Amino acid sequence: MAEDNNIVLATKEQGLGEVRIAPEVIEVIIGIAASQVEGVCSMRGSLANSLTELIGRKNRGRGVKLGNTEDGLLVDVYVFLNYGVSVPKVACEIQDKVRQQVLFMTGLEIAGVDVHVCGIIPEREIPAIDPNNPFGEENGEEN
């Protein structure tokens, strides 16, 4: 029999039953919240995540790891940031946004959000092509 690792939410009215949330749902909420912070280029993923995205399925929970302690949920977020951003500022924004979204959407308090910056992604430079000189020849003459 599979282990039931769903998170049971506290309800005000006991007679209505239980609300259970799979950890994967919370990972998706966290992944979307973190990726929406300005300065975040992408979330870290595995080779399997990359292959899944190649066939058109987006894995929103990648780069997120959940842990459970006596104090509550612990979250680890693994991100790649854009070059030129303030790393501490973006990390604090990720922590705030993740905490707010999880609280708003599930009512769960998060004990801590650890942000792991896996890398900095430089801006991609697209070479400009002169429409009047597409081959880069000087004075329009071939050598």
C-alpha atoms as a PDB file:
ATOM      1  CA  MET A   1       0.000   0.000   0.000  1.00  0.00           C
ATOM      2  CA  ALA A   2       1.358   3.432  -0.931  1.00  0.00           C
ATOM      3  CA  GLU A   3       2.313   5.805   1.825  1.00  0.00           C
ATOM      4  CA  ASP A   4      -0.112   8.718   2.185  1.00  0.00           C
ATOM      5  CA  ASN A   5       2.076  11.808   2.330  1.00  0.00           C
ATOM      6  CA  ASN A   6      -0.664  14.354   1.568  1.00  0.00           C
ATOM      7  CA  ILE A   7      -0.921  17.413   3.774  1.00  0.00           C
ATOM      8  CA  VAL A   8      -4.177  17.715   5.723  1.00  0.00           C
ATOM      9  CA  LEU A   9      -5.477  21.269   6.022  1.00  0.00           C
ATOM     10  CA  ALA A  10      -7.147  22.449   9.191  1.00  0.00           C
ATOM     11  CA  THR A  11     -10.855  23.133   8.699  1.00  0.00           C
ATOM     12  CA  LYS A  12     -13.164  25.237  10.814  1.00  0.00           C
ATOM     13  CA  GLU A  13     -16.146  22.921  10.502  1.00  0.00           C
ATOM     14  CA  GLN A  14     -15.316  19.355  11.501  1.00  0.00           C
ATOM     15  CA  GLY A  15     -18.462  17.739  10.094  1.00  0.00           C
ATOM     16  CA  LEU A  16     -17.626  18.476   6.466  1.00  0.00           C
ATOM     17  CA  GLY A  17     -14.579  16.224   6.148  1.00  0.00           C
ATOM     18  CA  GLU A  18     -10.902  16.724   5.391  1.00  0.00           C
ATOM     19  CA  VAL A  19      -9.036  18.673   2.758  1.00  0.00           C
ATOM     20  CA  ARG A  20      -5.826  16.986   1.620  1.00  0.00           C
ATOM     21  CA  ILE A  21      -3.225  18.552  -0.654  1.00  0.00           C
ATOM     22  CA  ALA A  22      -0.538  16.544  -2.408  1.00  0.00           C
ATOM     23  CA  PRO A  23       2.998  17.888  -1.881  1.00  0.00           C
ATOM     24  CA  GLU A  24       3.358  18.173  -5.655  1.00  0.00           C
ATOM     25  CA  VAL A  25       0.602  20.805  -5.682  1.00  0.00           C
ATOM     26  CA  ILE A  26       2.475  22.912  -3.135  1.00  0.00           C
ATOM     27  CA  GLU A  27       5.671  22.489  -5.186  1.00  0.00           C
ATOM     28  CA  VAL A  28       3.849  23.800  -8.257  1.00  0.00           C
ATOM     29  CA  ILE A  29       2.538  26.820  -6.319  1.00  0.00           C
ATOM     30  CA  ILE A  30       6.053  27.560  -5.067  1.00  0.00           C
ATOM     31  CA  GLY A  31       7.624  27.062  -8.499  1.00  0.00           C
ATOM     32  CA  ILE A  32       5.213  29.445 -10.201  1.00  0.00           C
ATOM     33  CA  ALA A  33       5.547  32.058  -7.447  1.00  0.00           C
ATOM     34  CA  ALA A  34       9.358  31.964  -7.559  1.00  0.00           C
ATOM     35  CA  SER A  35       9.579  32.092 -11.349  1.00  0.00           C
ATOM     36  CA  GLN A  36       7.353  35.196 -11.450  1.00  0.00           C
ATOM     37  CA  VAL A  37       9.837  37.252  -9.419  1.00  0.00           C
ATOM     38  CA  GLU A  38      11.631  39.791 -11.575  1.00  0.00           C
ATOM     39  CA  GLY A  39      15.270  38.765 -12.013  1.00  0.00           C
ATOM     40  CA  VAL A  40      14.646  35.010 -11.981  1.00  0.00           C
ATOM     41  CA  CYS A  41      15.729  33.494 -15.297  1.00  0.00           C
ATOM     42  CA  SER A  42      14.673  29.909 -14.632  1.00  0.00           C
ATOM     43  CA  MET A  43      14.353  27.196 -12.035  1.00  0.00           C
ATOM     44  CA  ARG A  44      16.823  24.340 -11.729  1.00  0.00           C
ATOM     45  CA  GLY A  45      15.669  21.055 -13.130  1.00  0.00           C
ATOM     46  CA  SER A  46      16.955  17.612 -13.929  1.00  0.00           C
ATOM     47  CA  LEU A  47      17.609  15.982 -17.278  1.00  0.00           C
ATOM     48  CA  ALA A  48      14.201  14.342 -17.052  1.00  0.00           C
ATOM     49  CA  ASN A  49      12.599  17.784 -16.612  1.00  0.00           C
ATOM     50  CA  SER A  50      14.402  19.055 -19.705  1.00  0.00           C
ATOM     51  CA  LEU A  51      13.290  16.076 -21.785  1.00  0.00           C
ATOM     52  CA  THR A  52       9.714  16.473 -20.576  1.00  0.00           C
ATOM     53  CA  GLU A  53       9.733  20.129 -21.640  1.00  0.00           C
ATOM     54  CA  LEU A  54      11.048  19.170 -25.073  1.00  0.00           C
ATOM     55  CA  ILE A  55       7.869  17.213 -25.736  1.00  0.00           C
ATOM     56  CA  GLY A  56       5.776  20.177 -24.699  1.00  0.00           C
ATOM     57  CA  ARG A  57       4.908  19.525 -21.054  1.00  0.00           C
ATOM     58  CA  LYS A  58       5.991  22.201 -18.610  1.00  0.00           C
ATOM     59  CA  ASN A  59       7.062  21.008 -15.154  1.00  0.00           C
ATOM     60  CA  ARG A  60       6.153  23.876 -12.833  1.00  0.00           C
ATOM     61  CA  GLY A  61       7.365  22.149  -9.664  1.00  0.00           C
ATOM     62  CA  ARG A  62      10.968  21.787 -10.742  1.00  0.00           C
ATOM     63  CA  GLY A  63      13.633  23.481  -8.657  1.00  0.00           C
ATOM     64  CA  VAL A  64      11.576  23.090  -5.481  1.00  0.00           C
ATOM     65  CA  LYS A  65      12.151  20.737  -2.570  1.00  0.00           C
ATOM     66  CA  LEU A  66       9.790  20.420   0.386  1.00  0.00           C
ATOM     67  CA  GLY A  67      10.732  19.281   3.845  1.00  0.00           C
ATOM     68  CA  ASN A  68       8.700  18.812   6.988  1.00  0.00           C
ATOM     69  CA  THR A  69       9.892  19.638  10.509  1.00  0.00           C
ATOM     70  CA  GLU A  70       8.268  20.149  13.883  1.00  0.00           C
ATOM     71  CA  ASP A  71       8.031  23.884  13.118  1.00  0.00           C
ATOM     72  CA  GLY A  72       6.260  23.370   9.775  1.00  0.00           C
ATOM     73  CA  LEU A  73       7.158  23.185   6.113  1.00  0.00           C
ATOM     74  CA  LEU A  74      10.677  23.978   4.967  1.00  0.00           C
ATOM     75  CA  VAL A  75      11.132  24.990   1.356  1.00  0.00           C
ATOM     76  CA  ASP A  76      14.294  24.903  -0.749  1.00  0.00           C
ATOM     77  CA  VAL A  77      14.115  26.851  -4.021  1.00  0.00           C
ATOM     78  CA  TYR A  78      16.861  26.410  -6.648  1.00  0.00           C
ATOM     79  CA  VAL A  79      17.057  29.252  -9.197  1.00  0.00           C
ATOM     80  CA  PHE A  80      19.133  30.740 -11.979  1.00  0.00           C
ATOM     81  CA  LEU A  81      19.151  34.542 -11.947  1.00  0.00           C
ATOM     82  CA  ASN A  82      19.608  37.079 -14.720  1.00  0.00           C
ATOM     83  CA  TYR A  83      22.961  38.833 -14.897  1.00  0.00           C
ATOM     84  CA  GLY A  84      23.019  42.273 -13.262  1.00  0.00           C
ATOM     85  CA  VAL A  85      20.352  41.779 -10.602  1.00  0.00           C
ATOM     86  CA  SER A  86      20.908  42.202  -6.880  1.00  0.00           C
ATOM     87  CA  VAL A  87      21.124  38.626  -5.606  1.00  0.00           C
ATOM     88  CA  PRO A  88      20.072  39.400  -1.987  1.00  0.00           C
ATOM     89  CA  LYS A  89      17.160  41.562  -3.151  1.00  0.00           C
ATOM     90  CA  VAL A  90      15.832  38.931  -5.573  1.00  0.00           C
ATOM     91  CA  ALA A  91      16.296  36.166  -2.979  1.00  0.00           C
ATOM     92  CA  CYS A  92      14.285  38.138  -0.401  1.00  0.00           C
ATOM     93  CA  GLU A  93      11.541  38.771  -2.970  1.00  0.00           C
ATOM     94  CA  ILE A  94      11.417  35.041  -3.727  1.00  0.00           C
ATOM     95  CA  GLN A  95      11.066  34.258  -0.018  1.00  0.00           C
ATOM     96  CA  ASP A  96       8.272  36.806   0.431  1.00  0.00           C
ATOM     97  CA  LYS A  97       6.354  35.805  -2.703  1.00  0.00           C
ATOM     98  CA  VAL A  98       6.568  32.068  -1.930  1.00  0.00           C
ATOM     99  CA  ARG A  99       5.409  32.572   1.658  1.00  0.00           C
ATOM    100  CA  GLN A 100       2.512  34.822   0.585  1.00  0.00           C
ATOM    101  CA  GLN A 101       1.277  32.560  -2.221  1.00  0.00           C
ATOM    102  CA  VAL A 102       1.365  29.357  -0.165  1.00  0.00           C
ATOM    103  CA  LEU A 103      -0.449  31.074   2.700  1.00  0.00           C
ATOM    104  CA  PHE A 104      -3.028  32.609   0.355  1.00  0.00           C
ATOM    105  CA  MET A 105      -3.708  29.453  -1.657  1.00  0.00           C
ATOM    106  CA  THR A 106      -3.511  26.783   1.067  1.00  0.00           C
ATOM    107  CA  GLY A 107      -3.556  28.525   4.446  1.00  0.00           C
ATOM    108  CA  LEU A 108      -0.276  26.785   5.360  1.00  0.00           C
ATOM    109  CA  GLU A 109       2.434  28.653   7.218  1.00  0.00           C
ATOM    110  CA  ILE A 110       5.959  28.043   5.969  1.00  0.00           C
ATOM    111  CA  ALA A 111       8.687  27.746   8.606  1.00  0.00           C
ATOM    112  CA  GLY A 112      11.451  28.786   6.200  1.00  0.00           C
ATOM    113  CA  VAL A 113      12.304  29.405   2.569  1.00  0.00           C
ATOM    114  CA  ASP A 114      15.929  28.768   1.591  1.00  0.00           C
ATOM    115  CA  VAL A 115      16.917  30.194  -1.788  1.00  0.00           C
ATOM    116  CA  HIS A 116      19.813  28.496  -3.587  1.00  0.00           C
ATOM    117  CA  VAL A 117      21.255  30.500  -6.485  1.00  0.00           C
ATOM    118  CA  CYS A 118      22.612  27.882  -8.889  1.00  0.00           C
ATOM    119  CA  GLY A 119      23.957  30.305 -11.455  1.00  0.00           C
ATOM    120  CA  ILE A 120      23.803  33.637 -13.227  1.00  0.00           C
ATOM    121  CA  ILE A 121      22.624  33.702 -16.849  1.00  0.00           C
ATOM    122  CA  PRO A 122      24.129  36.468 -19.006  1.00  0.00           C
ATOM    123  CA  GLU A 123      22.029  38.353 -21.525  1.00  0.00           C
ATOM    124  CA  ARG A 124      21.965  36.695 -24.884  1.00  0.00           C
ATOM    125  CA  GLU A 125      23.372  38.966 -27.536  1.00  0.00           C
ATOM    126  CA  ILE A 126      21.754  38.669 -30.928  1.00  0.00           C
ATOM    127  CA  PRO A 127      24.148  39.748 -33.653  1.00  0.00           C
ATOM    128  CA  ALA A 128      22.739  42.562 -35.746  1.00  0.00           C
ATOM    129  CA  ILE A 129      22.768  42.065 -39.492  1.00  0.00           C
ATOM    130  CA  ASP A 130      23.060  45.099 -41.707  1.00  0.00           C
ATOM    131  CA  PRO A 131      20.349  44.680 -44.375  1.00  0.00           C
ATOM    132  CA  ASN A 132      22.485  46.653 -46.850  1.00  0.00           C
ATOM    133  CA  ASN A 133      25.529  44.450 -46.228  1.00  0.00           C
ATOM    134  CA  PRO A 134      24.334  40.980 -45.111  1.00  0.00           C
ATOM    135  CA  PHE A 135      27.702  39.264 -45.657  1.00  0.00           C
ATOM    136  CA  GLY A 136      29.814  41.869 -43.859  1.00  0.00           C
ATOM    137  CA  GLU A 137      31.851  42.776 -46.930  1.00  0.00           C
ATOM    138  CA  GLU A 138      33.776  46.006 -46.914  1.00  0.00           C
ATOM    139  CA  ASN A 139      32.797  48.501 -49.630  1.00  0.00           C
ATOM    140  CA  GLY A 140      30.497  45.877 -51.119  1.00  0.00           C
ATOM    141  CA  GLU A 141      33.399  44.084 -52.832  1.00  0.00           C
ATOM    142  CA  GLU A 142      34.322  40.427 -52.509  1.00  0.00           C
ATOM    143  CA  ASN A 143      37.894  39.494 -51.568  1.00  0.00           C
END
